[in-house]
Amino acid sequence: MRPEKGDYAEYYQPYVDLVKGDDIFRVFVEQNLESQNILNSFPESKANYRYAEDKWTIKEVIGHLMDFERVFAYRALCIARGDTNPLPPMDHIEYVKNGNFNNRQLFDLIYEYRLIRESNILLFGSFDKSVLMNRGNANGYDVTVLALLYITAGHEKHHLNILMERYK
């Protein structure tokens, strides 16, 4: 099952398009292995590298992935549990700016991200299929739980692609 247009804000379409298949739970498990292999391929000596002056370092990209994963999992949890309160936006630029990621060890960031993803795999797997179509409001847009899961997976794929293309 895949989300349909109208289940998420249009600007998330590129993320949804990056996710292949219609078993999002399998995608998360397979993606976790892939992301760990990619992230662990970067040495600590290159972890503060940025490919352009105004771009994030490898550590900041990983920090951004962690923040995004946490925020979108929280949104999915709220909506899955029937919370109808509008959920606030996430200013990803400020999150990275204030994340202090470059002062941390690369190994620790990668490990933390793996734990976040593994925790979310368990959380998302606990969702009854009936709640995947629950609809809520996040950042001023209607969104379903299923769409949030696809956006999360697509977002990771997007950044892993950038890491492989521009940081390797």
Protein backbone atom coordinates (compact mmCIF):
# COMPACT_ATOMS: atom_id res chain seq x y z
CA MET A 1 0.00 0.00 0.00
CA ARG A 2 1.30 3.45 -0.95
CA PRO A 3 0.02 6.91 -0.03
CA GLU A 4 -1.96 8.75 -2.64
CA LYS A 5 -1.66 12.35 -3.75
CA GLY A 6 -3.66 14.36 -1.27
CA ASP A 7 -2.31 12.29 1.63
CA TYR A 8 0.64 14.69 1.98
CA ALA A 9 1.82 18.14 0.91
CA GLU A 10 2.88 18.26 -2.74
CA TYR A 11 6.43 19.33 -1.91
CA TYR A 12 7.04 15.87 -0.40
CA GLN A 13 6.36 14.13 -3.73
CA PRO A 14 10.08 13.72 -4.59
CA TYR A 15 10.62 11.84 -1.30
CA VAL A 16 7.64 9.56 -1.84
CA ASP A 17 8.83 8.87 -5.40
CA LEU A 18 12.22 7.68 -4.10
CA VAL A 19 10.61 4.84 -2.15
CA LYS A 20 10.27 1.71 -4.26
CA GLY A 21 7.66 -0.91 -3.51
CA ASP A 22 4.54 -0.90 -1.43
CA ASP A 23 5.72 -2.60 1.78
CA ILE A 24 6.98 0.34 3.78
CA PHE A 25 7.91 -1.82 6.75
CA ARG A 26 10.23 -3.94 4.60
CA VAL A 27 11.66 -0.73 3.11
CA PHE A 28 12.60 0.53 6.57
CA VAL A 29 14.40 -2.69 7.51
CA GLU A 30 16.32 -2.90 4.22
CA GLN A 31 17.08 0.80 4.24
CA ASN A 32 18.49 0.58 7.76
CA LEU A 33 21.12 -1.90 6.58
CA GLU A 34 21.93 0.18 3.50
CA SER A 35 22.22 3.42 5.43
CA GLN A 36 24.52 1.89 8.03
CA ASN A 37 26.81 0.58 5.30
CA ILE A 38 26.95 3.96 3.60
CA LEU A 39 27.42 5.99 6.78
CA ASN A 40 30.08 3.63 8.13
CA SER A 41 32.04 4.03 4.89
CA PHE A 42 33.03 7.58 5.87
CA PRO A 43 36.16 7.94 8.01
CA GLU A 44 36.22 10.24 11.02
CA SER A 45 38.89 12.27 9.24
CA LYS A 46 36.35 13.27 6.58
CA ALA A 47 33.33 13.70 8.88
CA ASN A 48 33.53 17.52 9.02
CA TYR A 49 33.88 17.79 5.26
CA ARG A 50 31.39 19.92 3.33
CA TYR A 51 31.38 19.97 -0.46
CA ALA A 52 30.57 23.68 -0.61
CA GLU A 53 30.86 26.55 1.85
CA ASP A 54 27.13 26.80 2.59
CA LYS A 55 26.48 23.02 2.72
CA TRP A 56 26.31 20.73 5.73
CA THR A 57 29.14 18.51 6.87
CA ILE A 58 28.69 14.74 6.86
CA LYS A 59 28.07 14.91 10.61
CA GLU A 60 25.43 17.60 10.11
CA VAL A 61 23.69 15.53 7.46
CA ILE A 62 23.50 12.62 9.89
CA GLY A 63 22.26 14.96 12.62
CA HIS A 64 19.61 16.27 10.26
CA LEU A 65 18.54 12.71 9.47
CA MET A 66 18.18 12.01 13.20
CA ASP A 67 16.15 15.15 13.85
CA PHE A 68 13.90 14.55 10.85
CA GLU A 69 13.36 10.91 11.82
CA ARG A 70 12.42 11.87 15.37
CA VAL A 71 10.03 14.64 14.34
CA PHE A 72 8.28 12.61 11.67
CA ALA A 73 8.01 9.55 13.94
CA TYR A 74 6.43 11.78 16.57
CA ARG A 75 3.98 13.11 14.00
CA ALA A 76 3.14 9.56 12.90
CA LEU A 77 2.68 8.47 16.52
CA CYS A 78 0.38 11.39 17.32
CA ILE A 79 -1.80 10.84 14.28
CA ALA A 80 -1.83 7.04 14.72
CA ARG A 81 -3.05 7.51 18.29
CA GLY A 82 -5.88 9.77 17.17
CA ASP A 83 -4.43 13.11 18.28
CA THR A 84 -6.21 15.80 16.27
CA ASN A 85 -4.10 18.75 17.43
CA PRO A 86 -2.18 20.49 14.65
CA LEU A 87 1.50 19.57 14.83
CA PRO A 88 4.11 22.34 14.52
CA PRO A 89 6.59 22.81 11.68
CA MET A 90 10.24 21.86 11.92
CA ASP A 91 12.87 24.45 11.05
CA HIS A 92 15.54 22.03 9.85
CA ILE A 93 18.08 24.82 9.33
CA GLU A 94 17.84 25.92 12.98
CA TYR A 95 17.85 22.31 14.18
CA VAL A 96 21.17 21.64 12.44
CA LYS A 97 22.60 25.02 13.44
CA ASN A 98 21.86 24.26 17.10
CA GLY A 99 22.59 20.52 16.99
CA ASN A 100 26.31 20.74 17.81
CA PHE A 101 26.87 17.73 15.54
CA ASN A 102 30.38 18.70 14.41
CA ASN A 103 31.63 18.44 17.99
CA ARG A 104 30.54 14.82 18.27
CA GLN A 105 32.25 11.65 17.11
CA LEU A 106 31.05 10.27 13.78
CA PHE A 107 30.70 6.77 15.23
CA ASP A 108 28.38 8.08 17.97
CA LEU A 109 26.15 9.88 15.47
CA ILE A 110 25.90 6.83 13.23
CA TYR A 111 25.14 4.58 16.19
CA GLU A 112 22.50 6.95 17.53
CA TYR A 113 20.86 7.17 14.13
CA ARG A 114 20.78 3.37 13.87
CA LEU A 115 19.08 3.14 17.27
CA ILE A 116 16.52 5.78 16.30
CA ARG A 117 15.70 3.93 13.08
CA GLU A 118 15.50 0.55 14.82
CA SER A 119 13.22 2.00 17.48
CA ASN A 120 11.02 3.49 14.79
CA ILE A 121 10.89 0.18 12.92
CA LEU A 122 9.42 -1.34 16.07
CA LEU A 123 7.06 1.59 16.58
CA PHE A 124 5.84 1.66 12.97
CA GLY A 125 5.47 -2.12 12.94
CA SER A 126 3.19 -1.86 15.96
CA PHE A 127 0.74 0.34 14.09
CA ASP A 128 -2.41 -1.53 13.20
CA LYS A 129 -3.01 -1.38 9.44
CA SER A 130 -6.25 0.49 10.11
CA VAL A 131 -4.41 3.53 11.54
CA LEU A 132 -2.14 3.97 8.51
CA MET A 133 -4.85 6.03 6.84
CA ASN A 134 -5.49 8.17 9.93
CA ARG A 135 -5.28 11.78 8.86
CA GLY A 136 -3.88 14.67 10.86
CA ASN A 137 -2.35 18.07 10.34
CA ALA A 138 1.38 18.75 10.44
CA ASN A 139 3.01 22.00 9.44
CA GLY A 140 -0.36 23.27 8.22
CA TYR A 141 -0.96 20.36 5.80
CA ASP A 142 -3.14 17.30 6.01
CA VAL A 143 -1.14 14.10 6.10
CA THR A 144 -1.73 10.40 6.74
CA VAL A 145 0.36 8.12 8.91
CA LEU A 146 1.28 6.06 5.84
CA ALA A 147 2.43 9.19 4.01
CA LEU A 148 4.62 10.19 6.96
CA LEU A 149 6.31 6.79 6.81
CA TYR A 150 6.96 7.09 3.08
CA ILE A 151 8.22 10.65 3.46
CA THR A 152 10.61 9.53 6.21
CA ALA A 153 12.02 6.71 4.09
CA GLY A 154 12.27 8.92 1.00
CA HIS A 155 13.95 11.69 2.95
CA GLU A 156 16.65 9.31 4.11
CA LYS A 157 17.13 7.99 0.57
CA HIS A 158 17.45 11.57 -0.71
CA HIS A 159 20.23 12.41 1.74
CA LEU A 160 22.05 9.10 1.30
CA ASN A 161 22.09 9.78 -2.44
CA ILE A 162 23.61 13.20 -1.81
CA LEU A 163 26.21 11.72 0.53
CA MET A 164 27.22 9.18 -2.12
CA GLU A 165 27.23 11.68 -4.99
CA ARG A 166 28.84 14.72 -3.37
CA TYR A 167 30.79 13.54 -0.35
CA LYS A 168 32.50 10.40 -1.67
